PDB file of N, CA and C in Angstrom:
ATOM      1  N   MET A   1       0.664  -0.986  -0.389  1.00  0.00           N
ATOM      2  CA  MET A   1       0.065  -0.197   0.126  1.00  0.00           C
ATOM      3  C   MET A   1       1.222   1.227  -0.241  1.00  0.00           C
ATOM      4  N   ARG A   2       2.097   0.971   0.932  1.00  0.00           N
ATOM      5  CA  ARG A   2       2.856   2.475   1.107  1.00  0.00           C
ATOM      6  C   ARG A   2       3.458   2.781  -0.703  1.00  0.00           C
ATOM      7  N   MET A   3       3.883   1.508  -1.361  1.00  0.00           N
ATOM      8  CA  MET A   3       4.445   1.841  -2.632  1.00  0.00           C
ATOM      9  C   MET A   3       3.576   1.779  -3.474  1.00  0.00           C
ATOM     10  N   HIS A   4       2.374   1.933  -3.451  1.00  0.00           N
ATOM     11  CA  HIS A   4       0.649   2.627  -4.302  1.00  0.00           C
ATOM     12  C   HIS A   4       1.249   3.859  -3.712  1.00  0.00           C
ATOM     13  N   ALA A   5       0.780   3.810  -2.875  1.00  0.00           N
ATOM     14  CA  ALA A   5       0.677   5.555  -2.714  1.00  0.00           C
ATOM     15  C   ALA A   5       1.934   6.473  -3.277  1.00  0.00           C
ATOM     16  N   PHE A   6       3.255   5.874  -2.766  1.00  0.00           N
ATOM     17  CA  PHE A   6       4.417   6.595  -3.024  1.00  0.00           C
ATOM     18  C   PHE A   6       4.219   6.830  -4.949  1.00  0.00           C
ATOM     19  N   ALA A   7       3.949   6.169  -5.605  1.00  0.00           N
ATOM     20  CA  ALA A   7       3.856   5.963  -7.064  1.00  0.00           C
ATOM     21  C   ALA A   7       3.254   6.857  -7.331  1.00  0.00           C
ATOM     22  N   LEU A   8       1.682   6.932  -6.517  1.00  0.00           N
ATOM     23  CA  LEU A   8       0.605   7.857  -7.101  1.00  0.00           C
ATOM     24  C   LEU A   8       0.936   9.584  -6.851  1.00  0.00           C
ATOM     25  N   LEU A   9       1.905   9.344  -5.745  1.00  0.00           N
ATOM     26  CA  LEU A   9       2.228  10.736  -5.520  1.00  0.00           C
ATOM     27  C   LEU A   9       3.436  10.994  -6.344  1.00  0.00           C
ATOM     28  N   ALA A  10       4.709  10.343  -6.677  1.00  0.00           N
ATOM     29  CA  ALA A  10       5.599  10.786  -7.665  1.00  0.00           C
ATOM     30  C   ALA A  10       4.967  11.016  -8.859  1.00  0.00           C
ATOM     31  N   THR A  11       4.121   9.886  -9.672  1.00  0.00           N
ATOM     32  CA  THR A  11       3.605  10.100 -10.868  1.00  0.00           C
ATOM     33  C   THR A  11       3.026  11.789 -10.593  1.00  0.00           C
ATOM     34  N   GLY A  12       2.143  12.234  -9.831  1.00  0.00           N
ATOM     35  CA  GLY A  12       1.473  13.338  -9.890  1.00  0.00           C
ATOM     36  C   GLY A  12       2.507  14.508  -9.970  1.00  0.00           C
ATOM     37  N   LEU A  13       3.525  14.573  -8.833  1.00  0.00           N
ATOM     38  CA  LEU A  13       4.658  15.364  -9.037  1.00  0.00           C
ATOM     39  C   LEU A  13       5.338  15.627  -9.812  1.00  0.00           C
ATOM     40  N   ALA A  14       5.838  14.225 -10.323  1.00  0.00           N
ATOM     41  CA  ALA A  14       6.712  14.218 -11.516  1.00  0.00           C
ATOM     42  C   ALA A  14       6.016  14.953 -12.970  1.00  0.00           C
ATOM     43  N   ALA A  15       4.226  14.591 -13.065  1.00  0.00           N
ATOM     44  CA  ALA A  15       3.785  15.206 -13.974  1.00  0.00           C
ATOM     45  C   ALA A  15       3.670  16.789 -14.046  1.00  0.00           C
ATOM     46  N   ALA A  16       3.242  17.233 -12.882  1.00  0.00           N
ATOM     47  CA  ALA A  16       3.280  18.579 -12.673  1.00  0.00           C
ATOM     48  C   ALA A  16       4.328  19.354 -13.049  1.00  0.00           C
ATOM     49  N   GLY A  17       5.038  18.834 -12.242  1.00  0.00           N
ATOM     50  CA  GLY A  17       6.785  19.451 -12.392  1.00  0.00           C
ATOM     51  C   GLY A  17       7.840  19.165 -13.605  1.00  0.00           C
ATOM     52  N   CYS A  18       7.505  18.440 -14.552  1.00  0.00           N
ATOM     53  CA  CYS A  18       8.455  18.191 -15.455  1.00  0.00           C
ATOM     54  C   CYS A  18       8.402  19.056 -16.876  1.00  0.00           C
ATOM     55  N   ALA A  19       7.136  19.006 -16.873  1.00  0.00           N
ATOM     56  CA  ALA A  19       6.640  20.109 -18.364  1.00  0.00           C
ATOM     57  C   ALA A  19       8.058  21.862 -18.544  1.00  0.00           C
ATOM     58  N   THR A  20       8.724  21.920 -19.339  1.00  0.00           N
ATOM     59  CA  THR A  20       9.509  22.759 -19.780  1.00  0.00           C
ATOM     60  C   THR A  20       8.621  24.179 -19.886  1.00  0.00           C
ATOM     61  N   THR A  21       8.966  25.221 -20.097  1.00  0.00           N
ATOM     62  CA  THR A  21       8.334  26.426 -21.109  1.00  0.00           C
ATOM     63  C   THR A  21       9.042  26.686 -22.338  1.00  0.00           C
ATOM     64  N   ALA A  22      10.244  26.010 -22.119  1.00  0.00           N
ATOM     65  CA  ALA A  22      10.547  26.128 -24.035  1.00  0.00           C
ATOM     66  C   ALA A  22      10.852  24.546 -24.485  1.00  0.00           C
ATOM     67  N   GLY A  23      10.544  24.299 -25.541  1.00  0.00           N
ATOM     68  CA  GLY A  23      11.223  23.344 -26.118  1.00  0.00           C
ATOM     69  C   GLY A  23       9.871  22.795 -28.008  1.00  0.00           C
ATOM     70  N   PRO A  24       9.738  21.761 -27.954  1.00  0.00           N
ATOM     71  CA  PRO A  24       9.446  21.919 -29.370  1.00  0.00           C
ATOM     72  C   PRO A  24       8.077  21.676 -29.006  1.00  0.00           C
ATOM     73  N   SER A  25       6.894  22.161 -30.024  1.00  0.00           N
ATOM     74  CA  SER A  25       5.387  21.954 -29.819  1.00  0.00           C
ATOM     75  C   SER A  25       5.116  21.007 -30.558  1.00  0.00           C
ATOM     76  N   LYS A  26       4.002  20.521 -30.211  1.00  0.00           N
ATOM     77  CA  LYS A  26       3.430  19.728 -30.908  1.00  0.00           C
ATOM     78  C   LYS A  26       2.822  19.194 -32.032  1.00  0.00           C
ATOM     79  N   ALA A  27       3.008  20.621 -32.998  1.00  0.00           N
ATOM     80  CA  ALA A  27       3.018  20.533 -34.266  1.00  0.00           C
ATOM     81  C   ALA A  27       4.225  20.259 -34.745  1.00  0.00           C
ATOM     82  N   SER A  28       5.969  20.464 -34.433  1.00  0.00           N
ATOM     83  CA  SER A  28       7.281  20.094 -35.095  1.00  0.00           C
ATOM     84  C   SER A  28       7.217  18.355 -34.492  1.00  0.00           C
ATOM     85  N   ALA A  29       6.393  17.868 -33.583  1.00  0.00           N
ATOM     86  CA  ALA A  29       6.976  16.641 -33.216  1.00  0.00           C
ATOM     87  C   ALA A  29       6.278  15.806 -34.287  1.00  0.00           C
ATOM     88  N   PRO A  30       6.672  14.292 -34.401  1.00  0.00           N
ATOM     89  CA  PRO A  30       6.096  13.632 -35.603  1.00  0.00           C
ATOM     90  C   PRO A  30       5.041  12.839 -34.655  1.00  0.00           C
ATOM     91  N   ASP A  31       4.017  13.277 -35.234  1.00  0.00           N
ATOM     92  CA  ASP A  31       2.808  12.750 -35.638  1.00  0.00           C
ATOM     93  C   ASP A  31       2.482  11.092 -35.772  1.00  0.00           C
ATOM     94  N   ALA A  32       2.177  10.583 -34.749  1.00  0.00           N
ATOM     95  CA  ALA A  32       2.858   8.386 -34.919  1.00  0.00           C
ATOM     96  C   ALA A  32       1.750   8.098 -35.802  1.00  0.00           C
ATOM     97  N   LYS A  33       0.680   8.397 -36.122  1.00  0.00           N
ATOM     98  CA  LYS A  33      -0.006   7.893 -36.988  1.00  0.00           C
ATOM     99  C   LYS A  33       0.061   8.193 -38.377  1.00  0.00           C
ATOM    100  N   SER A  34       1.277   9.064 -38.637  1.00  0.00           N
ATOM    101  CA  SER A  34       1.897   9.434 -40.376  1.00  0.00           C
ATOM    102  C   SER A  34       2.920   8.125 -40.137  1.00  0.00           C
ATOM    103  N   VAL A  35       3.923   8.007 -38.805  1.00  0.00           N
ATOM    104  CA  VAL A  35       5.107   7.328 -38.871  1.00  0.00           C
ATOM    105  C   VAL A  35       4.481   5.911 -39.367  1.00  0.00           C
ATOM    106  N   GLY A  36       3.739   5.551 -39.070  1.00  0.00           N
ATOM    107  CA  GLY A  36       3.344   3.999 -38.974  1.00  0.00           C
ATOM    108  C   GLY A  36       3.921   2.812 -37.941  1.00  0.00           C
ATOM    109  N   LYS A  37       4.494   2.195 -37.940  1.00  0.00           N
ATOM    110  CA  LYS A  37       4.862   1.068 -37.063  1.00  0.00           C
ATOM    111  C   LYS A  37       5.556   2.094 -35.838  1.00  0.00           C
ATOM    112  N   PRO A  38       4.949   1.731 -34.293  1.00  0.00           N
ATOM    113  CA  PRO A  38       5.497   2.451 -33.294  1.00  0.00           C
ATOM    114  C   PRO A  38       6.862   2.452 -32.738  1.00  0.00           C
ATOM    115  N   ALA A  39       7.988   3.734 -32.605  1.00  0.00           N
ATOM    116  CA  ALA A  39       8.853   3.325 -32.348  1.00  0.00           C
ATOM    117  C   ALA A  39       9.299   2.045 -30.869  1.00  0.00           C
ATOM    118  N   PHE A  40       7.931   2.666 -30.295  1.00  0.00           N
ATOM    119  CA  PHE A  40       7.774   1.765 -28.781  1.00  0.00           C
ATOM    120  C   PHE A  40       6.749   1.556 -28.305  1.00  0.00           C
ATOM    121  N   ARG A  41       6.713   0.606 -27.386  1.00  0.00           N
ATOM    122  CA  ARG A  41       5.457   0.402 -27.214  1.00  0.00           C
ATOM    123  C   ARG A  41       5.375  -0.351 -25.288  1.00  0.00           C
ATOM    124  N   ALA A  42       4.316   0.326 -24.581  1.00  0.00           N
ATOM    125  CA  ALA A  42       4.440   0.387 -23.230  1.00  0.00           C
ATOM    126  C   ALA A  42       4.777  -1.424 -23.021  1.00  0.00           C
ATOM    127  N   ALA A  43       4.833  -2.165 -23.700  1.00  0.00           N
ATOM    128  CA  ALA A  43       5.427  -3.230 -22.998  1.00  0.00           C
ATOM    129  C   ALA A  43       6.186  -3.518 -23.065  1.00  0.00           C
ATOM    130  N   GLU A  44       7.443  -2.879 -23.510  1.00  0.00           N
ATOM    131  CA  GLU A  44       8.634  -2.941 -23.802  1.00  0.00           C
ATOM    132  C   GLU A  44       9.350  -2.533 -22.311  1.00  0.00           C
ATOM    133  N   PHE A  45       8.741  -1.787 -21.679  1.00  0.00           N
ATOM    134  CA  PHE A  45       9.111  -1.032 -20.204  1.00  0.00           C
ATOM    135  C   PHE A  45       8.637  -1.736 -19.256  1.00  0.00           C
ATOM    136  N   GLU A  46       7.578  -1.905 -19.172  1.00  0.00           N
ATOM    137  CA  GLU A  46       7.294  -3.028 -18.303  1.00  0.00           C
ATOM    138  C   GLU A  46       8.113  -3.780 -17.456  1.00  0.00           C
ATOM    139  N   ASN A  47       8.374  -4.055 -16.772  1.00  0.00           N
ATOM    140  CA  ASN A  47       9.289  -4.553 -15.229  1.00  0.00           C
ATOM    141  C   ASN A  47      10.486  -4.639 -15.878  1.00  0.00           C
ATOM    142  N   ALA A  48      11.006  -3.532 -16.942  1.00  0.00           N
ATOM    143  CA  ALA A  48      12.318  -3.310 -17.617  1.00  0.00           C
ATOM    144  C   ALA A  48      12.912  -2.784 -15.996  1.00  0.00           C
ATOM    145  N   THR A  49      14.452  -3.305 -16.380  1.00  0.00           N
ATOM    146  CA  THR A  49      15.798  -2.520 -15.501  1.00  0.00           C
ATOM    147  C   THR A  49      15.857  -1.631 -15.906  1.00  0.00           C
ATOM    148  N   ALA A  50      16.263  -0.189 -15.258  1.00  0.00           N
ATOM    149  CA  ALA A  50      16.971   0.638 -15.529  1.00  0.00           C
ATOM    150  C   ALA A  50      17.914   0.618 -16.013  1.00  0.00           C
ATOM    151  N   ALA A  51      18.738  -0.442 -16.669  1.00  0.00           N
ATOM    152  CA  ALA A  51      19.952  -1.112 -18.025  1.00  0.00           C
ATOM    153  C   ALA A  51      19.127  -0.827 -18.818  1.00  0.00           C
ATOM    154  N   GLU A  52      18.274  -1.573 -19.143  1.00  0.00           N
ATOM    155  CA  GLU A  52      17.310  -2.024 -20.331  1.00  0.00           C
ATOM    156  C   GLU A  52      16.490  -0.888 -20.668  1.00  0.00           C
ATOM    157  N   ILE A  53      16.155   0.038 -20.005  1.00  0.00           N
ATOM    158  CA  ILE A  53      15.328   0.764 -20.060  1.00  0.00           C
ATOM    159  C   ILE A  53      16.293   2.077 -21.282  1.00  0.00           C
ATOM    160  N   ASP A  54      17.453   2.092 -20.282  1.00  0.00           N
ATOM    161  CA  ASP A  54      18.383   3.401 -21.142  1.00  0.00           C
ATOM    162  C   ASP A  54      19.380   2.865 -22.213  1.00  0.00           C
ATOM    163  N   ARG A  55      19.067   1.281 -22.655  1.00  0.00           N
ATOM    164  CA  ARG A  55      19.593   0.676 -23.790  1.00  0.00           C
ATOM    165  C   ARG A  55      18.978   1.401 -24.675  1.00  0.00           C
ATOM    166  N   ARG A  56      17.381   1.457 -24.389  1.00  0.00           N
ATOM    167  CA  ARG A  56      16.259   1.802 -25.390  1.00  0.00           C
ATOM    168  C   ARG A  56      16.126   3.417 -25.725  1.00  0.00           C
ATOM    169  N   LEU A  57      16.301   4.062 -24.284  1.00  0.00           N
ATOM    170  CA  LEU A  57      16.062   5.379 -24.695  1.00  0.00           C
ATOM    171  C   LEU A  57      17.144   6.582 -24.300  1.00  0.00           C
ATOM    172  N   GLY A  58      18.011   5.498 -24.173  1.00  0.00           N
ATOM    173  CA  GLY A  58      19.838   6.592 -23.666  1.00  0.00           C
ATOM    174  C   GLY A  58      19.547   7.220 -22.161  1.00  0.00           C
ATOM    175  N   ALA A  59      20.170   8.047 -21.502  1.00  0.00           N
ATOM    176  CA  ALA A  59      20.386   8.545 -20.802  1.00  0.00           C
ATOM    177  C   ALA A  59      19.284   9.278 -20.015  1.00  0.00           C
ATOM    178  N   PRO A  60      18.524   8.668 -18.893  1.00  0.00           N
ATOM    179  CA  PRO A  60      17.616   9.765 -18.399  1.00  0.00           C
ATOM    180  C   PRO A  60      18.060  11.512 -18.340  1.00  0.00           C
ATOM    181  N   ALA A  61      17.097  12.180 -18.353  1.00  0.00           N
ATOM    182  CA  ALA A  61      17.112  13.832 -18.239  1.00  0.00           C
ATOM    183  C   ALA A  61      16.994  13.774 -16.694  1.00  0.00           C
ATOM    184  N   LEU A  62      16.263  13.091 -16.027  1.00  0.00           N
ATOM    185  CA  LEU A  62      16.458  13.300 -14.237  1.00  0.00           C
ATOM    186  C   LEU A  62      16.493  12.004 -13.768  1.00  0.00           C
ATOM    187  N   THR A  63      16.943  11.366 -12.785  1.00  0.00           N
ATOM    188  CA  THR A  63      16.914  10.840 -12.327  1.00  0.00           C
ATOM    189  C   THR A  63      16.951  11.128 -10.295  1.00  0.00           C
ATOM    190  N   ARG A  64      15.774  10.487  -9.571  1.00  0.00           N
ATOM    191  CA  ARG A  64      16.189  11.139  -8.319  1.00  0.00           C
ATOM    192  C   ARG A  64      15.054   9.634  -7.668  1.00  0.00           C
ATOM    193  N   ILE A  65      16.057   9.365  -6.670  1.00  0.00           N
ATOM    194  CA  ILE A  65      15.901   7.957  -5.794  1.00  0.00           C
ATOM    195  C   ILE A  65      15.539   8.632  -4.555  1.00  0.00           C
ATOM    196  N   GLU A  66      14.143   8.256  -4.169  1.00  0.00           N
ATOM    197  CA  GLU A  66      13.437   8.302  -2.814  1.00  0.00           C
ATOM    198  C   GLU A  66      13.036   6.840  -2.120  1.00  0.00           C
ATOM    199  N   GLY A  67      13.685   6.566  -0.982  1.00  0.00           N
ATOM    200  CA  GLY A  67      13.250   5.962  -0.086  1.00  0.00           C
ATOM    201  C   GLY A  67      13.536   4.284  -1.079  1.00  0.00           C
ATOM    202  N   VAL A  68      13.157   3.340  -1.362  1.00  0.00           N
ATOM    203  CA  VAL A  68      13.094   2.307  -2.582  1.00  0.00           C
ATOM    204  C   VAL A  68      12.824   2.645  -3.801  1.00  0.00           C
ATOM    205  N   GLY A  69      12.217   3.559  -4.269  1.00  0.00           N
ATOM    206  CA  GLY A  69      12.022   3.944  -5.470  1.00  0.00           C
ATOM    207  C   GLY A  69      12.669   4.924  -6.177  1.00  0.00           C
ATOM    208  N   GLU A  70      12.763   4.624  -7.218  1.00  0.00           N
ATOM    209  CA  GLU A  70      13.441   5.619  -8.449  1.00  0.00           C
ATOM    210  C   GLU A  70      12.700   5.899  -8.958  1.00  0.00           C
ATOM    211  N   PHE A  71      12.750   7.391  -9.298  1.00  0.00           N
ATOM    212  CA  PHE A  71      12.115   8.348 -10.639  1.00  0.00           C
ATOM    213  C   PHE A  71      12.808   8.542 -11.835  1.00  0.00           C
ATOM    214  N   ARG A  72      12.491   8.339 -12.987  1.00  0.00           N
ATOM    215  CA  ARG A  72      13.604   8.709 -14.159  1.00  0.00           C
ATOM    216  C   ARG A  72      12.475   9.372 -14.905  1.00  0.00           C
ATOM    217  N   ARG A  73      13.382  10.425 -15.730  1.00  0.00           N
ATOM    218  CA  ARG A  73      12.557  11.330 -17.203  1.00  0.00           C
ATOM    219  C   ARG A  73      13.473  11.335 -18.220  1.00  0.00           C
ATOM    220  N   TYR A  74      12.589  10.699 -19.226  1.00  0.00           N
ATOM    221  CA  TYR A  74      13.587  10.926 -20.072  1.00  0.00           C
ATOM    222  C   TYR A  74      12.680  11.865 -21.247  1.00  0.00           C
ATOM    223  N   MET A  75      13.560  12.802 -22.410  1.00  0.00           N
ATOM    224  CA  MET A  75      12.489  13.449 -22.826  1.00  0.00           C
ATOM    225  C   MET A  75      12.527  12.727 -24.211  1.00  0.00           C
ATOM    226  N   LEU A  76      11.512  12.355 -25.274  1.00  0.00           N
ATOM    227  CA  LEU A  76      11.233  12.053 -26.279  1.00  0.00           C
ATOM    228  C   LEU A  76      10.690  13.212 -27.920  1.00  0.00           C
ATOM    229  N   ALA A  77      10.582  12.272 -28.381  1.00  0.00           N
ATOM    230  CA  ALA A  77       9.980  13.328 -29.485  1.00  0.00           C
ATOM    231  C   ALA A  77       8.599  14.252 -29.123  1.00  0.00           C
ATOM    232  N   ARG A  78       7.581  13.463 -28.499  1.00  0.00           N
ATOM    233  CA  ARG A  78       6.309  14.416 -28.060  1.00  0.00           C
ATOM    234  C   ARG A  78       5.949  14.312 -26.944  1.00  0.00           C
ATOM    235  N   CYS A  79       6.730  13.653 -25.564  1.00  0.00           N
ATOM    236  CA  CYS A  79       6.634  13.446 -24.613  1.00  0.00           C
ATOM    237  C   CYS A  79       7.791  14.112 -23.380  1.00  0.00           C
ATOM    238  N   ALA A  80       7.434  14.109 -22.600  1.00  0.00           N
ATOM    239  CA  ALA A  80       8.461  13.667 -20.920  1.00  0.00           C
ATOM    240  C   ALA A  80       7.852  12.453 -20.791  1.00  0.00           C
ATOM    241  N   LEU A  81       8.775  11.169 -21.008  1.00  0.00           N
ATOM    242  CA  LEU A  81       8.116  10.208 -20.421  1.00  0.00           C
ATOM    243  C   LEU A  81       8.818   9.977 -18.923  1.00  0.00           C
ATOM    244  N   MET A  82       7.962   9.763 -17.984  1.00  0.00           N
ATOM    245  CA  MET A  82       8.554   9.651 -16.628  1.00  0.00           C
ATOM    246  C   MET A  82       8.025   8.051 -15.947  1.00  0.00           C
ATOM    247  N   ILE A  83       9.476   7.451 -15.682  1.00  0.00           N
ATOM    248  CA  ILE A  83       9.282   6.327 -15.405  1.00  0.00           C
ATOM    249  C   ILE A  83       9.649   5.989 -13.966  1.00  0.00           C
ATOM    250  N   ILE A  84       9.190   4.905 -12.878  1.00  0.00           N
ATOM    251  CA  ILE A  84       8.850   4.708 -11.399  1.00  0.00           C
ATOM    252  C   ILE A  84       9.371   3.538 -11.468  1.00  0.00           C
ATOM    253  N   LEU A  85      10.464   3.172 -10.252  1.00  0.00           N
ATOM    254  CA  LEU A  85      11.076   2.009 -10.647  1.00  0.00           C
ATOM    255  C   LEU A  85      10.637   1.553  -9.413  1.00  0.00           C
ATOM    256  N   TYR A  86      10.857   0.509  -8.564  1.00  0.00           N
ATOM    257  CA  TYR A  86      10.380  -0.670  -7.601  1.00  0.00           C
ATOM    258  C   TYR A  86      11.453  -1.205  -7.411  1.00  0.00           C
ATOM    259  N   PRO A  87      12.175  -2.071  -6.154  1.00  0.00           N
ATOM    260  CA  PRO A  87      12.568  -3.245  -6.570  1.00  0.00           C
ATOM    261  C   PRO A  87      11.287  -4.726  -6.707  1.00  0.00           C
ATOM    262  N   ASP A  88      12.044  -5.739  -7.255  1.00  0.00           N
ATOM    263  CA  ASP A  88      11.436  -6.971  -7.234  1.00  0.00           C
ATOM    264  C   ASP A  88      11.698  -7.561  -5.997  1.00  0.00           C
ATOM    265  N   ASP A  89      11.227  -9.268  -5.774  1.00  0.00           N
ATOM    266  CA  ASP A  89      11.840  -9.838  -4.928  1.00  0.00           C
ATOM    267  C   ASP A  89      13.584 -10.214  -4.437  1.00  0.00           C
ATOM    268  N   LYS A  90      14.164  -9.741  -5.434  1.00  0.00           N
ATOM    269  CA  LYS A  90      15.344 -10.009  -5.703  1.00  0.00           C
ATOM    270  C   LYS A  90      16.292  -8.471  -5.207  1.00  0.00           C
ATOM    271  N   GLY A  91      15.209  -7.784  -4.977  1.00  0.00           N
ATOM    272  CA  GLY A  91      15.830  -6.401  -4.839  1.00  0.00           C
ATOM    273  C   GLY A  91      16.375  -5.474  -6.167  1.00  0.00           C
ATOM    274  N   VAL A  92      15.842  -6.038  -6.955  1.00  0.00           N
ATOM    275  CA  VAL A  92      16.498  -5.573  -8.840  1.00  0.00           C
ATOM    276  C   VAL A  92      15.544  -4.521  -9.103  1.00  0.00           C
ATOM    277  N   ARG A  93      15.737  -2.611  -8.921  1.00  0.00           N
ATOM    278  CA  ARG A  93      14.502  -2.098  -9.211  1.00  0.00           C
ATOM    279  C   ARG A  93      14.192  -2.554 -10.724  1.00  0.00           C
ATOM    280  N   ARG A  94      12.468  -2.246 -10.885  1.00  0.00           N
ATOM    281  CA  ARG A  94      12.003  -2.521 -12.088  1.00  0.00           C
ATOM    282  C   ARG A  94      10.855  -1.463 -12.412  1.00  0.00           C
ATOM    283  N   ALA A  95      11.016  -1.324 -13.591  1.00  0.00           N
ATOM    284  CA  ALA A  95       9.745  -0.378 -14.146  1.00  0.00           C
ATOM    285  C   ALA A  95       8.303  -0.814 -13.929  1.00  0.00           C
ATOM    286  N   ALA A  96       7.247   0.285 -12.664  1.00  0.00           N
ATOM    287  CA  ALA A  96       6.567   0.075 -12.054  1.00  0.00           C
ATOM    288  C   ALA A  96       5.315   0.722 -12.821  1.00  0.00           C
ATOM    289  N   SER A  97       5.554   1.927 -13.017  1.00  0.00           N
ATOM    290  CA  SER A  97       4.576   3.019 -13.751  1.00  0.00           C
ATOM    291  C   SER A  97       5.482   3.512 -14.502  1.00  0.00           C
ATOM    292  N   LEU A  98       5.082   4.158 -15.662  1.00  0.00           N
ATOM    293  CA  LEU A  98       5.188   4.789 -16.855  1.00  0.00           C
ATOM    294  C   LEU A  98       4.145   5.901 -16.839  1.00  0.00           C
ATOM    295  N   THR A  99       4.429   7.086 -17.033  1.00  0.00           N
ATOM    296  CA  THR A  99       3.307   8.635 -17.420  1.00  0.00           C
ATOM    297  C   THR A  99       4.171   9.044 -18.257  1.00  0.00           C
ATOM    298  N   ALA A 100       3.018   9.749 -19.536  1.00  0.00           N
ATOM    299  CA  ALA A 100       3.397  10.487 -20.465  1.00  0.00           C
ATOM    300  C   ALA A 100       2.924  12.037 -19.997  1.00  0.00           C
ATOM    301  N   GLY A 101       3.758  13.179 -20.120  1.00  0.00           N
ATOM    302  CA  GLY A 101       3.674  14.468 -19.470  1.00  0.00           C
ATOM    303  C   GLY A 101       4.225  15.388 -20.795  1.00  0.00           C
ATOM    304  N   ALA A 102       3.504  16.338 -20.840  1.00  0.00           N
ATOM    305  CA  ALA A 102       3.976  17.715 -21.768  1.00  0.00           C
ATOM    306  C   ALA A 102       4.959  18.066 -21.892  1.00  0.00           C
ATOM    307  N   LEU A 103       5.992  18.593 -23.064  1.00  0.00           N
ATOM    308  CA  LEU A 103       7.120  18.685 -23.207  1.00  0.00           C
ATOM    309  C   LEU A 103       6.760  20.300 -22.836  1.00  0.00           C
ATOM    310  N   VAL A 104       6.087  21.256 -23.143  1.00  0.00           N
ATOM    311  CA  VAL A 104       5.838  22.282 -22.598  1.00  0.00           C
ATOM    312  C   VAL A 104       5.071  22.570 -22.299  1.00  0.00           C
ATOM    313  N   SER A 105       5.124  23.528 -20.714  1.00  0.00           N
ATOM    314  CA  SER A 105       4.130  24.057 -19.834  1.00  0.00           C
ATOM    315  C   SER A 105       3.052  24.591 -20.190  1.00  0.00           C
ATOM    316  N   GLY A 106       1.845  24.232 -20.173  1.00  0.00           N
ATOM    317  CA  GLY A 106       0.295  24.238 -20.749  1.00  0.00           C
ATOM    318  C   GLY A 106       0.144  23.639 -21.512  1.00  0.00           C
ATOM    319  N   GLU A 107       0.542  22.492 -22.482  1.00  0.00           N
ATOM    320  CA  GLU A 107       0.420  21.696 -23.517  1.00  0.00           C
ATOM    321  C   GLU A 107      -0.273  20.802 -22.408  1.00  0.00           C
ATOM    322  N   GLU A 108      -1.689  20.043 -23.607  1.00  0.00           N
ATOM    323  CA  GLU A 108      -1.592  19.141 -23.345  1.00  0.00           C
ATOM    324  C   GLU A 108      -0.947  17.493 -23.429  1.00  0.00           C
ATOM    325  N   ALA A 109      -0.759  16.624 -22.545  1.00  0.00           N
ATOM    326  CA  ALA A 109      -0.306  15.914 -22.576  1.00  0.00           C
ATOM    327  C   ALA A 109      -0.582  14.544 -23.759  1.00  0.00           C
ATOM    328  N   PRO A 110       0.353  13.774 -24.150  1.00  0.00           N
ATOM    329  CA  PRO A 110       0.234  12.902 -25.767  1.00  0.00           C
ATOM    330  C   PRO A 110      -0.356  11.705 -24.318  1.00  0.00           C
ATOM    331  N   THR A 111      -1.048  11.106 -24.746  1.00  0.00           N
ATOM    332  CA  THR A 111      -1.549   9.630 -24.421  1.00  0.00           C
ATOM    333  C   THR A 111       0.239   9.136 -24.036  1.00  0.00           C
ATOM    334  N   LEU A 112       0.243   7.849 -23.448  1.00  0.00           N
ATOM    335  CA  LEU A 112       1.261   6.712 -23.324  1.00  0.00           C
ATOM    336  C   LEU A 112       1.560   6.302 -24.422  1.00  0.00           C
ATOM    337  N   ASP A 113       0.460   6.118 -24.939  1.00  0.00           N
ATOM    338  CA  ASP A 113       0.721   4.911 -26.227  1.00  0.00           C
ATOM    339  C   ASP A 113       1.470   6.123 -27.603  1.00  0.00           C
ATOM    340  N   GLU A 114       0.424   7.435 -27.900  1.00  0.00           N
ATOM    341  CA  GLU A 114       1.385   8.476 -28.495  1.00  0.00           C
ATOM    342  C   GLU A 114       2.013   9.187 -28.178  1.00  0.00           C
ATOM    343  N   CYS A 115       2.758   9.119 -26.960  1.00  0.00           N
ATOM    344  CA  CYS A 115       4.507   9.026 -26.821  1.00  0.00           C
ATOM    345  C   CYS A 115       5.086   7.937 -27.119  1.00  0.00           C
ATOM    346  N   LEU A 116       5.255   6.915 -26.748  1.00  0.00           N
ATOM    347  CA  LEU A 116       5.795   6.160 -27.141  1.00  0.00           C
ATOM    348  C   LEU A 116       6.050   6.141 -28.481  1.00  0.00           C
ATOM    349  N   ALA A 117       4.975   6.192 -29.274  1.00  0.00           N
ATOM    350  CA  ALA A 117       5.048   5.608 -30.740  1.00  0.00           C
ATOM    351  C   ALA A 117       5.631   6.593 -31.451  1.00  0.00           C
ATOM    352  N   ALA A 118       5.755   7.663 -30.620  1.00  0.00           N
ATOM    353  CA  ALA A 118       6.780   9.001 -31.769  1.00  0.00           C
ATOM    354  C   ALA A 118       8.002   8.678 -31.549  1.00  0.00           C
ATOM    355  N   GLY A 119       8.310   7.761 -30.602  1.00  0.00           N
ATOM    356  CA  GLY A 119      10.308   7.849 -30.409  1.00  0.00           C
ATOM    357  C   GLY A 119      10.799   8.728 -29.828  1.00  0.00           C
ATOM    358  N   LYS A 120      12.486   8.714 -29.573  1.00  0.00           N
ATOM    359  CA  LYS A 120      13.251   9.336 -29.179  1.00  0.00           C
ATOM    360  C   LYS A 120      13.291  10.612 -29.949  1.00  0.00           C
ATOM    361  N   ALA A 121      13.065  11.958 -29.227  1.00  0.00           N
ATOM    362  CA  ALA A 121      13.794  13.602 -30.052  1.00  0.00           C
ATOM    363  C   ALA A 121      14.849  12.892 -30.706  1.00  0.00           C
ATOM    364  N   ASN A 122      15.382  13.808 -31.833  1.00  0.00           N
ATOM    365  CA  ASN A 122      15.976  14.101 -32.818  1.00  0.00           C
ATOM    366  C   ASN A 122      17.204  14.823 -32.221  1.00  0.00           C
TER     367      ASN A 122
END
């Protein structure tokens, strides 16, 4: 229960505080529907370790460890992707939550599928 509450709190704080005031607008980001095959899918990151995620996305723009949890933010083409990791039964931190946030403060965030489909920022 405590980890679930932490995940909800961290996700909410991350979504509120991760948008920037400058950056590419939605108009300049690739449209996942026009690209064809999605660059990434959520299933590729679910239960993944930090190293596995970094191999796919590169280094995170922000990493924060609080207690046993770890928050990571990756800047993608259409969003700021926030991933929260928690230790599994062997103590290895694995992705437990994925959330898409807006790249620019005040803009609407894309869905997680739209965010991942557009891929990495150029």
